[in-house]
Amino acid sequence: MTEVHTNPLGVFLALTFIVSMGRLFWWMLHVPPAVPYEVAHVTRTVQAIKRILVPVVDTEYARRAIELACRLGSEQNAEIILLAVLEVPLTSPLGIALPETEARLNHILAQAAEIVEFHHLPCRTRIIRARTAGTGILQAVEEEEVQLIVIGVRPKRQIGGLGSTSEWLLRRASCEILIDHQPA
């Protein structure tokens, strides 16, 4: 009569194989529930957002918009583009030297970038010279191929419309716009 010797490594490998195959068959036989087309479409379009533009000014509502953009873009690791528009009056040439204003805008952008860095997202800052904030924002949207603009608007005491820039963008922007309006 021959003796049968079992190798502990062989037993371990056999058990690992059986457990792995069992889990694979369980996974294959438990199909997830069907997702309606509308849900799948909305999920896919939100996941397609890779660049988010946030117009920045030195206000609490603008900082809140940056935070909101970071949270919206965190799952897909979206790039946050922080934009400051240097509005040049019609009476001056666009290239006029405005060192104090540019220094102030750079300081505001540096503070804004700290919020994005806290979320570990890619971030770029830009200053665009334009006659109005709306035209500067639309210029950046086209140049940067932005999929979403997140704007914080100032709380108003009276009931009514948005600021002129927000309304202008809603009429003309070629991408989605998310407006964050905090109650007063």
C-alpha atoms as a PDB file:
ATOM      1  CA  MET A   1       0.000   0.000   0.000  1.00  0.00           C
ATOM      2  CA  THR A   2       1.339   3.450  -0.854  1.00  0.00           C
ATOM      3  CA  GLU A   3       1.222   6.396   1.426  1.00  0.00           C
ATOM      4  CA  VAL A   4      -0.209   9.711   0.224  1.00  0.00           C
ATOM      5  CA  HIS A   5       1.746  12.762   1.286  1.00  0.00           C
ATOM      6  CA  THR A   6       0.011  16.114   1.098  1.00  0.00           C
ATOM      7  CA  ASN A   7       2.083  19.149   0.509  1.00  0.00           C
ATOM      8  CA  PRO A   8       0.810  22.176   2.561  1.00  0.00           C
ATOM      9  CA  LEU A   9       1.652  24.544  -0.286  1.00  0.00           C
ATOM     10  CA  GLY A  10      -0.389  22.449  -2.708  1.00  0.00           C
ATOM     11  CA  VAL A  11      -3.379  22.438  -0.355  1.00  0.00           C
ATOM     12  CA  PHE A  12      -3.126  26.221   0.062  1.00  0.00           C
ATOM     13  CA  LEU A  13      -2.946  26.786  -3.712  1.00  0.00           C
ATOM     14  CA  ALA A  14      -5.912  24.463  -4.330  1.00  0.00           C
ATOM     15  CA  LEU A  15      -8.033  26.259  -1.718  1.00  0.00           C
ATOM     16  CA  THR A  16      -7.052  29.663  -3.097  1.00  0.00           C
ATOM     17  CA  PHE A  17      -8.050  28.547  -6.608  1.00  0.00           C
ATOM     18  CA  ILE A  18     -11.424  27.195  -5.414  1.00  0.00           C
ATOM     19  CA  VAL A  19     -12.227  30.370  -3.461  1.00  0.00           C
ATOM     20  CA  SER A  20     -11.168  32.603  -6.388  1.00  0.00           C
ATOM     21  CA  MET A  21     -13.287  30.651  -8.855  1.00  0.00           C
ATOM     22  CA  GLY A  22     -16.247  30.760  -6.470  1.00  0.00           C
ATOM     23  CA  ARG A  23     -15.998  34.534  -6.159  1.00  0.00           C
ATOM     24  CA  LEU A  24     -15.652  34.913  -9.922  1.00  0.00           C
ATOM     25  CA  PHE A  25     -18.782  32.822 -10.580  1.00  0.00           C
ATOM     26  CA  TRP A  26     -20.705  34.747  -7.896  1.00  0.00           C
ATOM     27  CA  TRP A  27     -19.683  38.045  -9.531  1.00  0.00           C
ATOM     28  CA  MET A  28     -20.667  36.790 -13.008  1.00  0.00           C
ATOM     29  CA  LEU A  29     -24.096  35.605 -11.864  1.00  0.00           C
ATOM     30  CA  HIS A  30     -24.986  38.778  -9.949  1.00  0.00           C
ATOM     31  CA  VAL A  31     -25.466  41.347 -12.686  1.00  0.00           C
ATOM     32  CA  PRO A  32     -25.952  44.916 -11.383  1.00  0.00           C
ATOM     33  CA  PRO A  33     -29.399  46.384 -11.910  1.00  0.00           C
ATOM     34  CA  ALA A  34     -30.027  48.184 -15.170  1.00  0.00           C
ATOM     35  CA  VAL A  35     -29.508  51.942 -15.054  1.00  0.00           C
ATOM     36  CA  PRO A  36     -32.011  54.104 -16.944  1.00  0.00           C
ATOM     37  CA  TYR A  37     -30.598  55.896 -19.983  1.00  0.00           C
ATOM     38  CA  GLU A  38     -31.167  59.332 -18.451  1.00  0.00           C
ATOM     39  CA  VAL A  39     -29.114  58.453 -15.361  1.00  0.00           C
ATOM     40  CA  ALA A  40     -26.267  56.973 -17.421  1.00  0.00           C
ATOM     41  CA  HIS A  41     -26.241  59.981 -19.767  1.00  0.00           C
ATOM     42  CA  VAL A  42     -26.151  62.565 -16.965  1.00  0.00           C
ATOM     43  CA  THR A  43     -23.427  60.648 -15.120  1.00  0.00           C
ATOM     44  CA  ARG A  44     -21.323  60.427 -18.273  1.00  0.00           C
ATOM     45  CA  THR A  45     -21.682  64.126 -19.104  1.00  0.00           C
ATOM     46  CA  VAL A  46     -20.689  65.191 -15.587  1.00  0.00           C
ATOM     47  CA  GLN A  47     -17.671  62.865 -15.725  1.00  0.00           C
ATOM     48  CA  ALA A  48     -16.642  64.556 -18.986  1.00  0.00           C
ATOM     49  CA  ILE A  49     -15.931  67.821 -17.164  1.00  0.00           C
ATOM     50  CA  LYS A  50     -12.150  68.143 -17.235  1.00  0.00           C
ATOM     51  CA  ARG A  51     -11.680  71.950 -17.062  1.00  0.00           C
ATOM     52  CA  ILE A  52     -13.571  74.240 -14.737  1.00  0.00           C
ATOM     53  CA  LEU A  53     -13.199  78.010 -14.944  1.00  0.00           C
ATOM     54  CA  VAL A  54     -13.794  80.131 -11.850  1.00  0.00           C
ATOM     55  CA  PRO A  55     -13.810  83.912 -12.223  1.00  0.00           C
ATOM     56  CA  VAL A  56     -12.080  85.273  -9.121  1.00  0.00           C
ATOM     57  CA  VAL A  57     -12.609  88.484  -7.210  1.00  0.00           C
ATOM     58  CA  ASP A  58     -11.680  89.312  -3.621  1.00  0.00           C
ATOM     59  CA  THR A  59     -14.975  88.298  -1.984  1.00  0.00           C
ATOM     60  CA  GLU A  60     -16.276  85.492   0.179  1.00  0.00           C
ATOM     61  CA  TYR A  61     -18.784  84.397  -2.452  1.00  0.00           C
ATOM     62  CA  ALA A  62     -15.988  84.014  -5.034  1.00  0.00           C
ATOM     63  CA  ARG A  63     -13.952  81.864  -2.614  1.00  0.00           C
ATOM     64  CA  ARG A  64     -17.041  79.740  -2.029  1.00  0.00           C
ATOM     65  CA  ALA A  65     -17.351  79.254  -5.806  1.00  0.00           C
ATOM     66  CA  ILE A  66     -13.747  77.999  -5.885  1.00  0.00           C
ATOM     67  CA  GLU A  67     -14.510  75.504  -3.122  1.00  0.00           C
ATOM     68  CA  LEU A  68     -17.620  74.353  -4.968  1.00  0.00           C
ATOM     69  CA  ALA A  69     -15.656  73.928  -8.218  1.00  0.00           C
ATOM     70  CA  CYS A  70     -13.039  71.846  -6.404  1.00  0.00           C
ATOM     71  CA  ARG A  71     -15.661  69.565  -4.934  1.00  0.00           C
ATOM     72  CA  LEU A  72     -17.377  69.183  -8.303  1.00  0.00           C
ATOM     73  CA  GLY A  73     -14.106  68.405 -10.073  1.00  0.00           C
ATOM     74  CA  SER A  74     -12.507  66.188  -7.435  1.00  0.00           C
ATOM     75  CA  GLU A  75     -13.835  62.833  -8.678  1.00  0.00           C
ATOM     76  CA  GLN A  76     -12.577  63.336 -12.231  1.00  0.00           C
ATOM     77  CA  ASN A  77      -9.452  65.267 -11.166  1.00  0.00           C
ATOM     78  CA  ALA A  78     -10.579  68.267 -13.206  1.00  0.00           C
ATOM     79  CA  GLU A  79      -8.234  71.159 -13.808  1.00  0.00           C
ATOM     80  CA  ILE A  80      -9.376  74.343 -12.092  1.00  0.00           C
ATOM     81  CA  ILE A  81      -8.612  77.522 -14.014  1.00  0.00           C
ATOM     82  CA  LEU A  82      -8.751  80.617 -11.831  1.00  0.00           C
ATOM     83  CA  LEU A  83      -9.358  83.754 -13.851  1.00  0.00           C
ATOM     84  CA  ALA A  84      -9.043  87.389 -12.885  1.00  0.00           C
ATOM     85  CA  VAL A  85     -10.289  89.866 -15.464  1.00  0.00           C
ATOM     86  CA  LEU A  86      -8.492  93.194 -15.486  1.00  0.00           C
ATOM     87  CA  GLU A  87     -11.165  95.547 -16.780  1.00  0.00           C
ATOM     88  CA  VAL A  88      -9.562  98.326 -18.785  1.00  0.00           C
ATOM     89  CA  PRO A  89     -11.728 101.426 -19.337  1.00  0.00           C
ATOM     90  CA  LEU A  90     -12.753 102.286 -22.894  1.00  0.00           C
ATOM     91  CA  THR A  91     -10.785 105.518 -22.634  1.00  0.00           C
ATOM     92  CA  SER A  92      -7.477 103.639 -22.197  1.00  0.00           C
ATOM     93  CA  PRO A  93      -5.630 101.262 -24.504  1.00  0.00           C
ATOM     94  CA  LEU A  94      -5.817  97.558 -23.507  1.00  0.00           C
ATOM     95  CA  GLY A  95      -2.049  97.410 -23.065  1.00  0.00           C
ATOM     96  CA  ILE A  96      -1.845 100.263 -20.572  1.00  0.00           C
ATOM     97  CA  ALA A  97       0.445  99.636 -17.607  1.00  0.00           C
ATOM     98  CA  LEU A  98      -1.521  99.034 -14.413  1.00  0.00           C
ATOM     99  CA  PRO A  99       1.074  97.581 -12.039  1.00  0.00           C
ATOM    100  CA  GLU A 100      -0.886  98.149  -8.811  1.00  0.00           C
ATOM    101  CA  THR A 101      -4.018  96.488 -10.171  1.00  0.00           C
ATOM    102  CA  GLU A 102      -2.028  93.569 -11.592  1.00  0.00           C
ATOM    103  CA  ALA A 103      -0.200  93.080  -8.284  1.00  0.00           C
ATOM    104  CA  ARG A 104      -3.550  93.065  -6.421  1.00  0.00           C
ATOM    105  CA  LEU A 105      -5.002  90.534  -8.890  1.00  0.00           C
ATOM    106  CA  ASN A 106      -1.933  88.298  -8.581  1.00  0.00           C
ATOM    107  CA  HIS A 107      -2.330  88.372  -4.791  1.00  0.00           C
ATOM    108  CA  ILE A 108      -6.029  87.427  -5.079  1.00  0.00           C
ATOM    109  CA  LEU A 109      -5.163  84.598  -7.492  1.00  0.00           C
ATOM    110  CA  ALA A 110      -2.459  83.276  -5.162  1.00  0.00           C
ATOM    111  CA  GLN A 111      -4.964  83.123  -2.301  1.00  0.00           C
ATOM    112  CA  ALA A 112      -7.492  81.400  -4.562  1.00  0.00           C
ATOM    113  CA  ALA A 113      -4.909  78.861  -5.708  1.00  0.00           C
ATOM    114  CA  GLU A 114      -4.357  77.846  -2.082  1.00  0.00           C
ATOM    115  CA  ILE A 115      -7.964  76.631  -1.932  1.00  0.00           C
ATOM    116  CA  VAL A 116      -7.436  74.460  -5.023  1.00  0.00           C
ATOM    117  CA  GLU A 117      -4.093  73.142  -3.747  1.00  0.00           C
ATOM    118  CA  PHE A 118      -5.840  72.066  -0.528  1.00  0.00           C
ATOM    119  CA  HIS A 119      -7.954  69.723  -2.698  1.00  0.00           C
ATOM    120  CA  HIS A 120      -4.891  68.412  -4.601  1.00  0.00           C
ATOM    121  CA  LEU A 121      -6.298  69.346  -7.985  1.00  0.00           C
ATOM    122  CA  PRO A 122      -4.372  70.746 -10.944  1.00  0.00           C
ATOM    123  CA  CYS A 123      -4.686  74.515 -11.016  1.00  0.00           C
ATOM    124  CA  ARG A 124      -3.741  77.363 -13.318  1.00  0.00           C
ATOM    125  CA  THR A 125      -4.198  81.074 -12.824  1.00  0.00           C
ATOM    126  CA  ARG A 126      -4.713  83.702 -15.514  1.00  0.00           C
ATOM    127  CA  ILE A 127      -5.198  87.408 -15.797  1.00  0.00           C
ATOM    128  CA  ILE A 128      -6.990  88.592 -18.929  1.00  0.00           C
ATOM    129  CA  ARG A 129      -7.296  92.213 -19.964  1.00  0.00           C
ATOM    130  CA  ALA A 130     -10.726  93.056 -21.353  1.00  0.00           C
ATOM    131  CA  ARG A 131     -13.190  95.921 -21.540  1.00  0.00           C
ATOM    132  CA  THR A 132     -15.766  94.007 -19.476  1.00  0.00           C
ATOM    133  CA  ALA A 133     -15.554  91.012 -17.159  1.00  0.00           C
ATOM    134  CA  GLY A 134     -17.995  89.055 -19.331  1.00  0.00           C
ATOM    135  CA  THR A 135     -15.943  89.396 -22.515  1.00  0.00           C
ATOM    136  CA  GLY A 136     -12.777  88.406 -20.640  1.00  0.00           C
ATOM    137  CA  ILE A 137     -14.459  85.317 -19.198  1.00  0.00           C
ATOM    138  CA  LEU A 138     -15.807  84.250 -22.615  1.00  0.00           C
ATOM    139  CA  GLN A 139     -12.363  84.757 -24.138  1.00  0.00           C
ATOM    140  CA  ALA A 140     -10.877  82.423 -21.518  1.00  0.00           C
ATOM    141  CA  VAL A 141     -13.664  79.858 -22.050  1.00  0.00           C
ATOM    142  CA  GLU A 142     -12.815  79.662 -25.758  1.00  0.00           C
ATOM    143  CA  GLU A 143      -9.030  79.647 -25.314  1.00  0.00           C
ATOM    144  CA  GLU A 144      -9.024  77.060 -22.514  1.00  0.00           C
ATOM    145  CA  GLU A 145     -11.809  74.825 -23.939  1.00  0.00           C
ATOM    146  CA  VAL A 146     -13.664  74.959 -20.637  1.00  0.00           C
ATOM    147  CA  GLN A 147     -16.622  72.653 -19.986  1.00  0.00           C
ATOM    148  CA  LEU A 148     -17.993  74.434 -16.889  1.00  0.00           C
ATOM    149  CA  ILE A 149     -17.955  77.915 -15.390  1.00  0.00           C
ATOM    150  CA  VAL A 150     -18.624  78.203 -11.656  1.00  0.00           C
ATOM    151  CA  ILE A 151     -19.625  81.689 -10.565  1.00  0.00           C
ATOM    152  CA  GLY A 152     -20.330  82.923  -7.082  1.00  0.00           C
ATOM    153  CA  VAL A 153     -22.753  85.823  -7.011  1.00  0.00           C
ATOM    154  CA  ARG A 154     -23.112  88.328  -4.224  1.00  0.00           C
ATOM    155  CA  PRO A 155     -26.091  87.984  -1.973  1.00  0.00           C
ATOM    156  CA  LYS A 156     -28.577  90.736  -2.691  1.00  0.00           C
ATOM    157  CA  ARG A 157     -31.057  92.094  -0.224  1.00  0.00           C
ATOM    158  CA  GLN A 158     -33.736  92.730  -2.807  1.00  0.00           C
ATOM    159  CA  ILE A 159     -35.382  89.976  -4.800  1.00  0.00           C
ATOM    160  CA  GLY A 160     -34.401  90.146  -8.402  1.00  0.00           C
ATOM    161  CA  GLY A 161     -31.921  89.210 -11.055  1.00  0.00           C
ATOM    162  CA  LEU A 162     -28.290  88.339 -11.019  1.00  0.00           C
ATOM    163  CA  GLY A 163     -25.412  90.683 -11.598  1.00  0.00           C
ATOM    164  CA  SER A 164     -24.977  92.042 -15.113  1.00  0.00           C
ATOM    165  CA  THR A 165     -21.929  89.831 -15.802  1.00  0.00           C
ATOM    166  CA  SER A 166     -23.720  86.635 -14.728  1.00  0.00           C
ATOM    167  CA  GLU A 167     -26.776  87.427 -16.850  1.00  0.00           C
ATOM    168  CA  TRP A 168     -24.571  88.335 -19.828  1.00  0.00           C
ATOM    169  CA  LEU A 169     -22.693  85.024 -19.515  1.00  0.00           C
ATOM    170  CA  LEU A 170     -25.919  83.030 -19.279  1.00  0.00           C
ATOM    171  CA  ARG A 171     -26.972  84.464 -22.640  1.00  0.00           C
ATOM    172  CA  ARG A 172     -23.656  83.977 -24.456  1.00  0.00           C
ATOM    173  CA  ALA A 173     -21.526  81.191 -22.949  1.00  0.00           C
ATOM    174  CA  SER A 174     -20.881  78.060 -24.994  1.00  0.00           C
ATOM    175  CA  CYS A 175     -20.499  75.830 -21.928  1.00  0.00           C
ATOM    176  CA  GLU A 176     -22.369  74.960 -18.770  1.00  0.00           C
ATOM    177  CA  ILE A 177     -22.608  77.580 -16.033  1.00  0.00           C
ATOM    178  CA  LEU A 178     -23.179  76.884 -12.383  1.00  0.00           C
ATOM    179  CA  ILE A 179     -24.186  79.899 -10.311  1.00  0.00           C
ATOM    180  CA  ASP A 180     -23.772  79.762  -6.547  1.00  0.00           C
ATOM    181  CA  HIS A 181     -26.019  82.221  -4.768  1.00  0.00           C
ATOM    182  CA  GLN A 182     -25.831  82.253  -1.002  1.00  0.00           C
ATOM    183  CA  PRO A 183     -28.746  83.632   0.940  1.00  0.00           C
ATOM    184  CA  ALA A 184     -28.075  87.020   2.484  1.00  0.00           C
END
